[in-house]
Amino acid sequence: MAESRHPDLQVSAEEKIEIASSLLPTLMHYLTQLTPDRQVRADDVLDSLALCVAAILENDTNIVTPKHTRMALDTVDVLVKRWAKDLRDHRAAPDVSFLSAILHRWNSQAEPEGQ
């Protein structure tokens, strides 16, 4: 984590979008397999991603005090809010979310040809 309240970003937004486009369908697939009704709940997705964020924070040797923890969580808050706004502001269509678009693309690619 950055030592200031400003994130220290080095990878482009476009590259992160490509990474998320790969990771999210895989996460959704695994969670679907684990739910009794094969319906993924947003809370399970968010809890899985929160576990990933917590693991990163727990591994950061610069986070050693409650103040450092608060600053790290503030950074997470800023990043999530920024991405949520950016994704909503740049929707291809009002009713097509980033997640639904990448899941549609992933499902289309997973279907056997001719179907």
PDB file of N, CA and C in Angstrom:
ATOM      1  N   MET A   1       0.853  -1.178   0.000  1.00  0.00           N
ATOM      2  CA  MET A   1       0.000   0.000   0.000  1.00  0.00           C
ATOM      3  C   MET A   1       0.896   1.237   0.000  1.00  0.00           C
ATOM      4  N   ALA A   2       0.371   2.273  -0.549  1.00  0.00           N
ATOM      5  CA  ALA A   2       1.097   3.535  -0.534  1.00  0.00           C
ATOM      6  C   ALA A   2       1.189   4.033   0.903  1.00  0.00           C
ATOM      7  N   GLU A   3       2.242   4.761   1.181  1.00  0.00           N
ATOM      8  CA  GLU A   3       2.415   5.275   2.539  1.00  0.00           C
ATOM      9  C   GLU A   3       1.615   6.542   2.780  1.00  0.00           C
ATOM     10  N   SER A   4       1.061   7.111   1.720  1.00  0.00           N
ATOM     11  CA  SER A   4       0.200   8.282   1.864  1.00  0.00           C
ATOM     12  C   SER A   4      -1.236   7.856   1.602  1.00  0.00           C
ATOM     13  N   ARG A   5      -2.152   8.798   1.667  1.00  0.00           N
ATOM     14  CA  ARG A   5      -3.553   8.489   1.385  1.00  0.00           C
ATOM     15  C   ARG A   5      -3.819   8.367  -0.114  1.00  0.00           C
ATOM     16  N   HIS A   6      -2.816   8.655  -0.938  1.00  0.00           N
ATOM     17  CA  HIS A   6      -2.966   8.555  -2.386  1.00  0.00           C
ATOM     18  C   HIS A   6      -2.410   7.221  -2.864  1.00  0.00           C
ATOM     19  N   PRO A   7      -3.229   6.472  -3.596  1.00  0.00           N
ATOM     20  CA  PRO A   7      -2.767   5.170  -4.084  1.00  0.00           C
ATOM     21  C   PRO A   7      -1.539   5.305  -4.987  1.00  0.00           C
ATOM     22  N   ASP A   8      -0.672   4.322  -4.914  1.00  0.00           N
ATOM     23  CA  ASP A   8       0.534   4.257  -5.731  1.00  0.00           C
ATOM     24  C   ASP A   8       0.250   3.270  -6.859  1.00  0.00           C
ATOM     25  N   LEU A   9      -0.306   3.779  -7.973  1.00  0.00           N
ATOM     26  CA  LEU A   9      -0.743   2.918  -9.071  1.00  0.00           C
ATOM     27  C   LEU A   9       0.292   2.889 -10.179  1.00  0.00           C
ATOM     28  N   GLN A  10       0.545   1.693 -10.712  1.00  0.00           N
ATOM     29  CA  GLN A  10       1.525   1.552 -11.784  1.00  0.00           C
ATOM     30  C   GLN A  10       0.984   0.820 -13.002  1.00  0.00           C
ATOM     31  N   VAL A  11      -0.138   0.140 -12.883  1.00  0.00           N
ATOM     32  CA  VAL A  11      -0.733  -0.608 -13.981  1.00  0.00           C
ATOM     33  C   VAL A  11      -1.927   0.183 -14.508  1.00  0.00           C
ATOM     34  N   SER A  12      -2.070   0.225 -15.820  1.00  0.00           N
ATOM     35  CA  SER A  12      -3.125   1.042 -16.429  1.00  0.00           C
ATOM     36  C   SER A  12      -4.516   0.501 -16.112  1.00  0.00           C
ATOM     37  N   ALA A  13      -5.485   1.386 -16.184  1.00  0.00           N
ATOM     38  CA  ALA A  13      -6.880   1.002 -15.963  1.00  0.00           C
ATOM     39  C   ALA A  13      -7.312  -0.037 -16.997  1.00  0.00           C
ATOM     40  N   GLU A  14      -6.890   0.133 -18.224  1.00  0.00           N
ATOM     41  CA  GLU A  14      -7.257  -0.805 -19.288  1.00  0.00           C
ATOM     42  C   GLU A  14      -6.738  -2.214 -18.979  1.00  0.00           C
ATOM     43  N   GLU A  15      -5.516  -2.300 -18.500  1.00  0.00           N
ATOM     44  CA  GLU A  15      -4.957  -3.607 -18.146  1.00  0.00           C
ATOM     45  C   GLU A  15      -5.692  -4.217 -16.953  1.00  0.00           C
ATOM     46  N   LYS A  16      -6.079  -3.389 -16.004  1.00  0.00           N
ATOM     47  CA  LYS A  16      -6.836  -3.894 -14.849  1.00  0.00           C
ATOM     48  C   LYS A  16      -8.218  -4.371 -15.272  1.00  0.00           C
ATOM     49  N   ILE A  17      -8.814  -3.697 -16.243  1.00  0.00           N
ATOM     50  CA  ILE A  17     -10.116  -4.127 -16.765  1.00  0.00           C
ATOM     51  C   ILE A  17      -9.979  -5.497 -17.419  1.00  0.00           C
ATOM     52  N   GLU A  18      -8.912  -5.718 -18.152  1.00  0.00           N
ATOM     53  CA  GLU A  18      -8.675  -7.029 -18.766  1.00  0.00           C
ATOM     54  C   GLU A  18      -8.491  -8.112 -17.705  1.00  0.00           C
ATOM     55  N   ILE A  19      -7.763  -7.781 -16.649  1.00  0.00           N
ATOM     56  CA  ILE A  19      -7.556  -8.750 -15.562  1.00  0.00           C
ATOM     57  C   ILE A  19      -8.889  -9.071 -14.890  1.00  0.00           C
ATOM     58  N   ALA A  20      -9.654  -8.042 -14.563  1.00  0.00           N
ATOM     59  CA  ALA A  20     -10.959  -8.255 -13.923  1.00  0.00           C
ATOM     60  C   ALA A  20     -11.886  -9.053 -14.839  1.00  0.00           C
ATOM     61  N   SER A  21     -11.784  -8.808 -16.147  1.00  0.00           N
ATOM     62  CA  SER A  21     -12.615  -9.530 -17.110  1.00  0.00           C
ATOM     63  C   SER A  21     -12.289 -11.017 -17.135  1.00  0.00           C
ATOM     64  N   SER A  22     -11.102 -11.359 -16.729  1.00  0.00           N
ATOM     65  CA  SER A  22     -10.694 -12.754 -16.655  1.00  0.00           C
ATOM     66  C   SER A  22     -11.021 -13.365 -15.292  1.00  0.00           C
ATOM     67  N   LEU A  23     -10.770 -12.616 -14.234  1.00  0.00           N
ATOM     68  CA  LEU A  23     -10.951 -13.147 -12.881  1.00  0.00           C
ATOM     69  C   LEU A  23     -12.416 -13.286 -12.463  1.00  0.00           C
ATOM     70  N   LEU A  24     -13.228 -12.294 -12.755  1.00  0.00           N
ATOM     71  CA  LEU A  24     -14.612 -12.310 -12.260  1.00  0.00           C
ATOM     72  C   LEU A  24     -15.442 -13.478 -12.787  1.00  0.00           C
ATOM     73  N   PRO A  25     -15.394 -13.813 -14.077  1.00  0.00           N
ATOM     74  CA  PRO A  25     -16.164 -14.984 -14.507  1.00  0.00           C
ATOM     75  C   PRO A  25     -15.714 -16.273 -13.820  1.00  0.00           C
ATOM     76  N   THR A  26     -14.420 -16.417 -13.597  1.00  0.00           N
ATOM     77  CA  THR A  26     -13.910 -17.605 -12.916  1.00  0.00           C
ATOM     78  C   THR A  26     -14.437 -17.650 -11.482  1.00  0.00           C
ATOM     79  N   LEU A  27     -14.383 -16.525 -10.775  1.00  0.00           N
ATOM     80  CA  LEU A  27     -14.916 -16.459  -9.413  1.00  0.00           C
ATOM     81  C   LEU A  27     -16.402 -16.800  -9.404  1.00  0.00           C
ATOM     82  N   MET A  28     -17.147 -16.207 -10.319  1.00  0.00           N
ATOM     83  CA  MET A  28     -18.589 -16.458 -10.381  1.00  0.00           C
ATOM     84  C   MET A  28     -18.866 -17.939 -10.677  1.00  0.00           C
ATOM     85  N   HIS A  29     -18.079 -18.531 -11.553  1.00  0.00           N
ATOM     86  CA  HIS A  29     -18.246 -19.950 -11.883  1.00  0.00           C
ATOM     87  C   HIS A  29     -18.059 -20.818 -10.638  1.00  0.00           C
ATOM     88  N   TYR A  30     -16.968 -20.583  -9.909  1.00  0.00           N
ATOM     89  CA  TYR A  30     -16.710 -21.382  -8.711  1.00  0.00           C
ATOM     90  C   TYR A  30     -17.788 -21.179  -7.654  1.00  0.00           C
ATOM     91  N   LEU A  31     -18.200 -19.959  -7.453  1.00  0.00           N
ATOM     92  CA  LEU A  31     -19.245 -19.717  -6.457  1.00  0.00           C
ATOM     93  C   LEU A  31     -20.563 -20.365  -6.870  1.00  0.00           C
ATOM     94  N   THR A  32     -20.870 -20.336  -8.154  1.00  0.00           N
ATOM     95  CA  THR A  32     -22.089 -20.985  -8.645  1.00  0.00           C
ATOM     96  C   THR A  32     -22.073 -22.473  -8.327  1.00  0.00           C
ATOM     97  N   GLN A  33     -20.902 -23.091  -8.498  1.00  0.00           N
ATOM     98  CA  GLN A  33     -20.775 -24.519  -8.230  1.00  0.00           C
ATOM     99  C   GLN A  33     -20.970 -24.854  -6.749  1.00  0.00           C
ATOM    100  N   LEU A  34     -20.733 -23.895  -5.878  1.00  0.00           N
ATOM    101  CA  LEU A  34     -20.782 -24.130  -4.440  1.00  0.00           C
ATOM    102  C   LEU A  34     -22.119 -23.780  -3.790  1.00  0.00           C
ATOM    103  N   THR A  35     -23.007 -23.135  -4.520  1.00  0.00           N
ATOM    104  CA  THR A  35     -24.289 -22.744  -3.935  1.00  0.00           C
ATOM    105  C   THR A  35     -25.336 -23.816  -4.209  1.00  0.00           C
ATOM    106  N   PRO A  36     -26.198 -24.089  -3.237  1.00  0.00           N
ATOM    107  CA  PRO A  36     -27.196 -25.157  -3.403  1.00  0.00           C
ATOM    108  C   PRO A  36     -28.131 -24.922  -4.595  1.00  0.00           C
ATOM    109  N   ASP A  37     -28.501 -23.685  -4.834  1.00  0.00           N
ATOM    110  CA  ASP A  37     -29.440 -23.400  -5.930  1.00  0.00           C
ATOM    111  C   ASP A  37     -28.740 -22.911  -7.198  1.00  0.00           C
ATOM    112  N   ARG A  38     -27.394 -22.949  -7.182  1.00  0.00           N
ATOM    113  CA  ARG A  38     -26.560 -22.528  -8.313  1.00  0.00           C
ATOM    114  C   ARG A  38     -26.816 -21.072  -8.708  1.00  0.00           C
ATOM    115  N   GLN A  39     -27.205 -20.279  -7.721  1.00  0.00           N
ATOM    116  CA  GLN A  39     -27.412 -18.844  -7.902  1.00  0.00           C
ATOM    117  C   GLN A  39     -26.437 -18.098  -6.991  1.00  0.00           C
ATOM    118  N   VAL A  40     -25.578 -17.306  -7.582  1.00  0.00           N
ATOM    119  CA  VAL A  40     -24.575 -16.571  -6.809  1.00  0.00           C
ATOM    120  C   VAL A  40     -25.224 -15.329  -6.202  1.00  0.00           C
ATOM    121  N   ARG A  41     -24.956 -15.107  -4.940  1.00  0.00           N
ATOM    122  CA  ARG A  41     -25.428 -13.909  -4.249  1.00  0.00           C
ATOM    123  C   ARG A  41     -24.308 -12.871  -4.254  1.00  0.00           C
ATOM    124  N   ALA A  42     -24.670 -11.613  -4.388  1.00  0.00           N
ATOM    125  CA  ALA A  42     -23.680 -10.535  -4.386  1.00  0.00           C
ATOM    126  C   ALA A  42     -22.851 -10.570  -3.103  1.00  0.00           C
ATOM    127  N   ASP A  43     -23.490 -10.894  -1.982  1.00  0.00           N
ATOM    128  CA  ASP A  43     -22.755 -10.922  -0.719  1.00  0.00           C
ATOM    129  C   ASP A  43     -21.644 -11.968  -0.729  1.00  0.00           C
ATOM    130  N   ASP A  44     -21.869 -13.114  -1.371  1.00  0.00           N
ATOM    131  CA  ASP A  44     -20.814 -14.124  -1.457  1.00  0.00           C
ATOM    132  C   ASP A  44     -19.661 -13.645  -2.337  1.00  0.00           C
ATOM    133  N   VAL A  45     -19.984 -12.972  -3.432  1.00  0.00           N
ATOM    134  CA  VAL A  45     -18.941 -12.424  -4.301  1.00  0.00           C
ATOM    135  C   VAL A  45     -18.134 -11.378  -3.536  1.00  0.00           C
ATOM    136  N   LEU A  46     -18.837 -10.450  -2.892  1.00  0.00           N
ATOM    137  CA  LEU A  46     -18.154  -9.392  -2.149  1.00  0.00           C
ATOM    138  C   LEU A  46     -17.334  -9.952  -0.997  1.00  0.00           C
ATOM    139  N   ASP A  47     -17.867 -10.964  -0.307  1.00  0.00           N
ATOM    140  CA  ASP A  47     -17.124 -11.559   0.796  1.00  0.00           C
ATOM    141  C   ASP A  47     -15.857 -12.247   0.283  1.00  0.00           C
ATOM    142  N   SER A  48     -15.940 -12.903  -0.872  1.00  0.00           N
ATOM    143  CA  SER A  48     -14.753 -13.535  -1.463  1.00  0.00           C
ATOM    144  C   SER A  48     -13.709 -12.492  -1.836  1.00  0.00           C
ATOM    145  N   LEU A  49     -14.149 -11.407  -2.436  1.00  0.00           N
ATOM    146  CA  LEU A  49     -13.214 -10.343  -2.802  1.00  0.00           C
ATOM    147  C   LEU A  49     -12.669  -9.639  -1.560  1.00  0.00           C
ATOM    148  N   ALA A  50     -13.496  -9.497  -0.526  1.00  0.00           N
ATOM    149  CA  ALA A  50     -13.026  -8.900   0.727  1.00  0.00           C
ATOM    150  C   ALA A  50     -11.937  -9.772   1.347  1.00  0.00           C
ATOM    151  N   LEU A  51     -12.103 -11.087   1.270  1.00  0.00           N
ATOM    152  CA  LEU A  51     -11.071 -12.002   1.758  1.00  0.00           C
ATOM    153  C   LEU A  51      -9.759 -11.770   1.000  1.00  0.00           C
ATOM    154  N   CYS A  52      -9.842 -11.593  -0.314  1.00  0.00           N
ATOM    155  CA  CYS A  52      -8.640 -11.330  -1.117  1.00  0.00           C
ATOM    156  C   CYS A  52      -7.969 -10.026  -0.691  1.00  0.00           C
ATOM    157  N   VAL A  53      -8.769  -8.980  -0.505  1.00  0.00           N
ATOM    158  CA  VAL A  53      -8.218  -7.690  -0.072  1.00  0.00           C
ATOM    159  C   VAL A  53      -7.610  -7.821   1.315  1.00  0.00           C
ATOM    160  N   ALA A  54      -8.312  -8.500   2.220  1.00  0.00           N
ATOM    161  CA  ALA A  54      -7.805  -8.684   3.580  1.00  0.00           C
ATOM    162  C   ALA A  54      -6.485  -9.452   3.576  1.00  0.00           C
ATOM    163  N   ALA A  55      -6.367 -10.447   2.701  1.00  0.00           N
ATOM    164  CA  ALA A  55      -5.121 -11.217   2.614  1.00  0.00           C
ATOM    165  C   ALA A  55      -3.968 -10.329   2.159  1.00  0.00           C
ATOM    166  N   ILE A  56      -4.236  -9.433   1.240  1.00  0.00           N
ATOM    167  CA  ILE A  56      -3.200  -8.502   0.775  1.00  0.00           C
ATOM    168  C   ILE A  56      -2.794  -7.557   1.898  1.00  0.00           C
ATOM    169  N   LEU A  57      -3.778  -7.022   2.598  1.00  0.00           N
ATOM    170  CA  LEU A  57      -3.484  -6.104   3.707  1.00  0.00           C
ATOM    171  C   LEU A  57      -2.743  -6.827   4.828  1.00  0.00           C
ATOM    172  N   GLU A  58      -3.164  -8.050   5.117  1.00  0.00           N
ATOM    173  CA  GLU A  58      -2.535  -8.828   6.189  1.00  0.00           C
ATOM    174  C   GLU A  58      -1.076  -9.140   5.864  1.00  0.00           C
ATOM    175  N   ASN A  59      -0.766  -9.241   4.587  1.00  0.00           N
ATOM    176  CA  ASN A  59       0.594  -9.549   4.149  1.00  0.00           C
ATOM    177  C   ASN A  59       1.493  -8.314   4.089  1.00  0.00           C
ATOM    178  N   ASP A  60       0.907  -7.133   4.093  1.00  0.00           N
ATOM    179  CA  ASP A  60       1.671  -5.884   3.945  1.00  0.00           C
ATOM    180  C   ASP A  60       2.409  -5.566   5.244  1.00  0.00           C
ATOM    181  N   THR A  61       3.719  -5.638   5.194  1.00  0.00           N
ATOM    182  CA  THR A  61       4.530  -5.424   6.398  1.00  0.00           C
ATOM    183  C   THR A  61       4.574  -3.959   6.820  1.00  0.00           C
ATOM    184  N   ASN A  62       4.046  -3.052   5.991  1.00  0.00           N
ATOM    185  CA  ASN A  62       3.985  -1.638   6.365  1.00  0.00           C
ATOM    186  C   ASN A  62       2.754  -1.314   7.212  1.00  0.00           C
ATOM    187  N   ILE A  63       1.823  -2.236   7.279  1.00  0.00           N
ATOM    188  CA  ILE A  63       0.606  -2.017   8.065  1.00  0.00           C
ATOM    189  C   ILE A  63       0.823  -2.657   9.428  1.00  0.00           C
ATOM    190  N   VAL A  64       1.220  -1.817  10.393  1.00  0.00           N
ATOM    191  CA  VAL A  64       1.578  -2.358  11.712  1.00  0.00           C
ATOM    192  C   VAL A  64       0.814  -1.710  12.864  1.00  0.00           C
ATOM    193  N   THR A  65       0.128  -0.625  12.602  1.00  0.00           N
ATOM    194  CA  THR A  65      -0.604   0.058  13.669  1.00  0.00           C
ATOM    195  C   THR A  65      -2.069   0.217  13.256  1.00  0.00           C
ATOM    196  N   PRO A  66      -2.940   0.499  14.208  1.00  0.00           N
ATOM    197  CA  PRO A  66      -4.332   0.779  13.850  1.00  0.00           C
ATOM    198  C   PRO A  66      -4.455   1.941  12.853  1.00  0.00           C
ATOM    199  N   LYS A  67      -3.594   2.941  12.983  1.00  0.00           N
ATOM    200  CA  LYS A  67      -3.630   4.058  12.036  1.00  0.00           C
ATOM    201  C   LYS A  67      -3.302   3.582  10.625  1.00  0.00           C
ATOM    202  N   HIS A  68      -2.293   2.733  10.491  1.00  0.00           N
ATOM    203  CA  HIS A  68      -1.955   2.181   9.180  1.00  0.00           C
ATOM    204  C   HIS A  68      -3.129   1.394   8.609  1.00  0.00           C
ATOM    205  N   THR A  69      -3.785   0.620   9.458  1.00  0.00           N
ATOM    206  CA  THR A  69      -4.944  -0.158   9.014  1.00  0.00           C
ATOM    207  C   THR A  69      -6.047   0.767   8.526  1.00  0.00           C
ATOM    208  N   ARG A  70      -6.330   1.832   9.276  1.00  0.00           N
ATOM    209  CA  ARG A  70      -7.355   2.797   8.854  1.00  0.00           C
ATOM    210  C   ARG A  70      -6.987   3.426   7.517  1.00  0.00           C
ATOM    211  N   MET A  71      -5.724   3.790   7.359  1.00  0.00           N
ATOM    212  CA  MET A  71      -5.287   4.393   6.100  1.00  0.00           C
ATOM    213  C   MET A  71      -5.430   3.405   4.939  1.00  0.00           C
ATOM    214  N   ALA A  72      -5.090   2.141   5.176  1.00  0.00           N
ATOM    215  CA  ALA A  72      -5.224   1.124   4.132  1.00  0.00           C
ATOM    216  C   ALA A  72      -6.690   0.936   3.753  1.00  0.00           C
ATOM    217  N   LEU A  73      -7.559   0.895   4.754  1.00  0.00           N
ATOM    218  CA  LEU A  73      -8.980   0.734   4.482  1.00  0.00           C
ATOM    219  C   LEU A  73      -9.551   1.973   3.805  1.00  0.00           C
ATOM    220  N   ASP A  74      -9.049   3.145   4.139  1.00  0.00           N
ATOM    221  CA  ASP A  74      -9.453   4.369   3.435  1.00  0.00           C
ATOM    222  C   ASP A  74      -9.075   4.284   1.957  1.00  0.00           C
ATOM    223  N   THR A  75      -7.890   3.753   1.683  1.00  0.00           N
ATOM    224  CA  THR A  75      -7.449   3.599   0.300  1.00  0.00           C
ATOM    225  C   THR A  75      -8.364   2.636  -0.444  1.00  0.00           C
ATOM    226  N   VAL A  76      -8.703   1.514   0.188  1.00  0.00           N
ATOM    227  CA  VAL A  76      -9.617   0.553  -0.422  1.00  0.00           C
ATOM    228  C   VAL A  76     -10.951   1.233  -0.720  1.00  0.00           C
ATOM    229  N   ASP A  77     -11.452   2.003   0.221  1.00  0.00           N
ATOM    230  CA  ASP A  77     -12.716   2.718   0.054  1.00  0.00           C
ATOM    231  C   ASP A  77     -12.650   3.665  -1.146  1.00  0.00           C
ATOM    232  N   VAL A  78     -11.577   4.425  -1.242  1.00  0.00           N
ATOM    233  CA  VAL A  78     -11.404   5.371  -2.354  1.00  0.00           C
ATOM    234  C   VAL A  78     -11.369   4.622  -3.689  1.00  0.00           C
ATOM    235  N   LEU A  79     -10.622   3.530  -3.741  1.00  0.00           N
ATOM    236  CA  LEU A  79     -10.486   2.773  -4.989  1.00  0.00           C
ATOM    237  C   LEU A  79     -11.813   2.153  -5.414  1.00  0.00           C
ATOM    238  N   VAL A  80     -12.539   1.564  -4.487  1.00  0.00           N
ATOM    239  CA  VAL A  80     -13.821   0.941  -4.821  1.00  0.00           C
ATOM    240  C   VAL A  80     -14.812   1.996  -5.300  1.00  0.00           C
ATOM    241  N   LYS A  81     -14.900   3.107  -4.601  1.00  0.00           N
ATOM    242  CA  LYS A  81     -15.832   4.170  -5.013  1.00  0.00           C
ATOM    243  C   LYS A  81     -15.474   4.721  -6.385  1.00  0.00           C
ATOM    244  N   ARG A  82     -14.181   4.886  -6.650  1.00  0.00           N
ATOM    245  CA  ARG A  82     -13.761   5.412  -7.953  1.00  0.00           C
ATOM    246  C   ARG A  82     -14.123   4.441  -9.072  1.00  0.00           C
ATOM    247  N   TRP A  83     -13.832   3.147  -8.863  1.00  0.00           N
ATOM    248  CA  TRP A  83     -14.170   2.166  -9.890  1.00  0.00           C
ATOM    249  C   TRP A  83     -15.677   2.068 -10.085  1.00  0.00           C
ATOM    250  N   ALA A  84     -16.441   2.079  -9.015  1.00  0.00           N
ATOM    251  CA  ALA A  84     -17.903   1.994  -9.137  1.00  0.00           C
ATOM    252  C   ALA A  84     -18.434   3.161  -9.969  1.00  0.00           C
ATOM    253  N   LYS A  85     -17.936   4.358  -9.721  1.00  0.00           N
ATOM    254  CA  LYS A  85     -18.365   5.528 -10.484  1.00  0.00           C
ATOM    255  C   LYS A  85     -17.918   5.412 -11.936  1.00  0.00           C
ATOM    256  N   ASP A  86     -16.663   5.047 -12.161  1.00  0.00           N
ATOM    257  CA  ASP A  86     -16.151   4.929 -13.530  1.00  0.00           C
ATOM    258  C   ASP A  86     -16.933   3.886 -14.333  1.00  0.00           C
ATOM    259  N   LEU A  87     -17.191   2.738 -13.733  1.00  0.00           N
ATOM    260  CA  LEU A  87     -17.934   1.702 -14.445  1.00  0.00           C
ATOM    261  C   LEU A  87     -19.347   2.159 -14.775  1.00  0.00           C
ATOM    262  N   ARG A  88     -19.994   2.802 -13.826  1.00  0.00           N
ATOM    263  CA  ARG A  88     -21.362   3.278 -14.073  1.00  0.00           C
ATOM    264  C   ARG A  88     -21.369   4.383 -15.135  1.00  0.00           C
ATOM    265  N   ASP A  89     -20.403   5.288 -15.057  1.00  0.00           N
ATOM    266  CA  ASP A  89     -20.347   6.405 -16.012  1.00  0.00           C
ATOM    267  C   ASP A  89     -20.014   5.971 -17.432  1.00  0.00           C
ATOM    268  N   HIS A  90     -19.366   4.814 -17.583  1.00  0.00           N
ATOM    269  CA  HIS A  90     -18.907   4.387 -18.910  1.00  0.00           C
ATOM    270  C   HIS A  90     -19.629   3.139 -19.416  1.00  0.00           C
ATOM    271  N   ARG A  91     -20.839   2.926 -18.945  1.00  0.00           N
ATOM    272  CA  ARG A  91     -21.615   1.784 -19.427  1.00  0.00           C
ATOM    273  C   ARG A  91     -21.886   1.941 -20.931  1.00  0.00           C
ATOM    274  N   ALA A  92     -21.802   0.818 -21.640  1.00  0.00           N
ATOM    275  CA  ALA A  92     -22.107   0.832 -23.072  1.00  0.00           C
ATOM    276  C   ALA A  92     -23.592   1.126 -23.305  1.00  0.00           C
ATOM    277  N   ALA A  93     -24.433   0.679 -22.386  1.00  0.00           N
ATOM    278  CA  ALA A  93     -25.869   0.936 -22.427  1.00  0.00           C
ATOM    279  C   ALA A  93     -26.340   1.057 -20.989  1.00  0.00           C
ATOM    280  N   PRO A  94     -27.412   1.811 -20.760  1.00  0.00           N
ATOM    281  CA  PRO A  94     -27.856   2.044 -19.377  1.00  0.00           C
ATOM    282  C   PRO A  94     -28.131   0.787 -18.565  1.00  0.00           C
ATOM    283  N   ASP A  95     -28.564  -0.282 -19.219  1.00  0.00           N
ATOM    284  CA  ASP A  95     -28.932  -1.492 -18.485  1.00  0.00           C
ATOM    285  C   ASP A  95     -27.879  -2.609 -18.604  1.00  0.00           C
ATOM    286  N   VAL A  96     -26.673  -2.282 -19.077  1.00  0.00           N
ATOM    287  CA  VAL A  96     -25.622  -3.289 -19.242  1.00  0.00           C
ATOM    288  C   VAL A  96     -24.441  -2.938 -18.345  1.00  0.00           C
ATOM    289  N   SER A  97     -24.326  -3.672 -17.246  1.00  0.00           N
ATOM    290  CA  SER A  97     -23.219  -3.433 -16.318  1.00  0.00           C
ATOM    291  C   SER A  97     -21.940  -4.077 -16.854  1.00  0.00           C
ATOM    292  N   PHE A  98     -20.822  -3.649 -16.323  1.00  0.00           N
ATOM    293  CA  PHE A  98     -19.527  -4.247 -16.658  1.00  0.00           C
ATOM    294  C   PHE A  98     -19.558  -5.750 -16.384  1.00  0.00           C
ATOM    295  N   LEU A  99     -20.061  -6.129 -15.205  1.00  0.00           N
ATOM    296  CA  LEU A  99     -20.104  -7.539 -14.833  1.00  0.00           C
ATOM    297  C   LEU A  99     -20.996  -8.329 -15.781  1.00  0.00           C
ATOM    298  N   SER A 100     -22.176  -7.833 -16.084  1.00  0.00           N
ATOM    299  CA  SER A 100     -23.057  -8.583 -16.984  1.00  0.00           C
ATOM    300  C   SER A 100     -22.445  -8.698 -18.376  1.00  0.00           C
ATOM    301  N   ALA A 101     -21.752  -7.673 -18.836  1.00  0.00           N
ATOM    302  CA  ALA A 101     -21.124  -7.719 -20.159  1.00  0.00           C
ATOM    303  C   ALA A 101     -20.006  -8.759 -20.204  1.00  0.00           C
ATOM    304  N   ILE A 102     -19.164  -8.804 -19.177  1.00  0.00           N
ATOM    305  CA  ILE A 102     -18.066  -9.781 -19.225  1.00  0.00           C
ATOM    306  C   ILE A 102     -18.577 -11.201 -19.010  1.00  0.00           C
ATOM    307  N   LEU A 103     -19.621 -11.364 -18.194  1.00  0.00           N
ATOM    308  CA  LEU A 103     -20.189 -12.699 -18.022  1.00  0.00           C
ATOM    309  C   LEU A 103     -20.847 -13.172 -19.309  1.00  0.00           C
ATOM    310  N   HIS A 104     -21.516 -12.270 -20.013  1.00  0.00           N
ATOM    311  CA  HIS A 104     -22.130 -12.616 -21.299  1.00  0.00           C
ATOM    312  C   HIS A 104     -21.040 -13.038 -22.294  1.00  0.00           C
ATOM    313  N   ARG A 105     -19.969 -12.274 -22.361  1.00  0.00           N
ATOM    314  CA  ARG A 105     -18.870 -12.597 -23.277  1.00  0.00           C
ATOM    315  C   ARG A 105     -18.250 -13.947 -22.906  1.00  0.00           C
ATOM    316  N   TRP A 106     -18.025 -14.162 -21.604  1.00  0.00           N
ATOM    317  CA  TRP A 106     -17.418 -15.415 -21.127  1.00  0.00           C
ATOM    318  C   TRP A 106     -18.315 -16.607 -21.449  1.00  0.00           C
ATOM    319  N   ASN A 107     -19.625 -16.462 -21.187  1.00  0.00           N
ATOM    320  CA  ASN A 107     -20.560 -17.540 -21.474  1.00  0.00           C
ATOM    321  C   ASN A 107     -20.655 -17.823 -22.971  1.00  0.00           C
ATOM    322  N   SER A 108     -20.586 -16.786 -23.788  1.00  0.00           N
ATOM    323  CA  SER A 108     -20.620 -16.958 -25.241  1.00  0.00           C
ATOM    324  C   SER A 108     -19.409 -17.729 -25.731  1.00  0.00           C
ATOM    325  N   GLN A 109     -18.264 -17.445 -25.160  1.00  0.00           N
ATOM    326  CA  GLN A 109     -17.024 -18.124 -25.552  1.00  0.00           C
ATOM    327  C   GLN A 109     -16.997 -19.567 -25.050  1.00  0.00           C
ATOM    328  N   ALA A 110     -17.729 -19.841 -23.965  1.00  0.00           N
ATOM    329  CA  ALA A 110     -17.720 -21.179 -23.382  1.00  0.00           C
ATOM    330  C   ALA A 110     -18.664 -22.134 -24.111  1.00  0.00           C
ATOM    331  N   GLU A 111     -19.630 -21.576 -24.861  1.00  0.00           N
ATOM    332  CA  GLU A 111     -20.584 -22.422 -25.577  1.00  0.00           C
ATOM    333  C   GLU A 111     -19.897 -23.107 -26.752  1.00  0.00           C
ATOM    334  N   PRO A 112     -20.208 -24.395 -26.961  1.00  0.00           N
ATOM    335  CA  PRO A 112     -19.637 -25.094 -28.115  1.00  0.00           C
ATOM    336  C   PRO A 112     -20.133 -24.453 -29.412  1.00  0.00           C
ATOM    337  N   GLU A 113     -19.301 -24.522 -30.451  1.00  0.00           N
ATOM    338  CA  GLU A 113     -19.680 -23.929 -31.725  1.00  0.00           C
ATOM    339  C   GLU A 113     -20.915 -24.637 -32.287  1.00  0.00           C
ATOM    340  N   GLY A 114     -21.727 -23.871 -32.998  1.00  0.00           N
ATOM    341  CA  GLY A 114     -22.917 -24.412 -33.606  1.00  0.00           C
ATOM    342  C   GLY A 114     -24.130 -24.354 -32.712  1.00  0.00           C
ATOM    343  N   GLN A 115     -23.996 -23.844 -31.527  1.00  0.00           N
ATOM    344  CA  GLN A 115     -25.172 -23.755 -30.638  1.00  0.00           C
ATOM    345  C   GLN A 115     -25.611 -22.335 -30.500  1.00  0.00           C
TER     346      GLN A 115
END
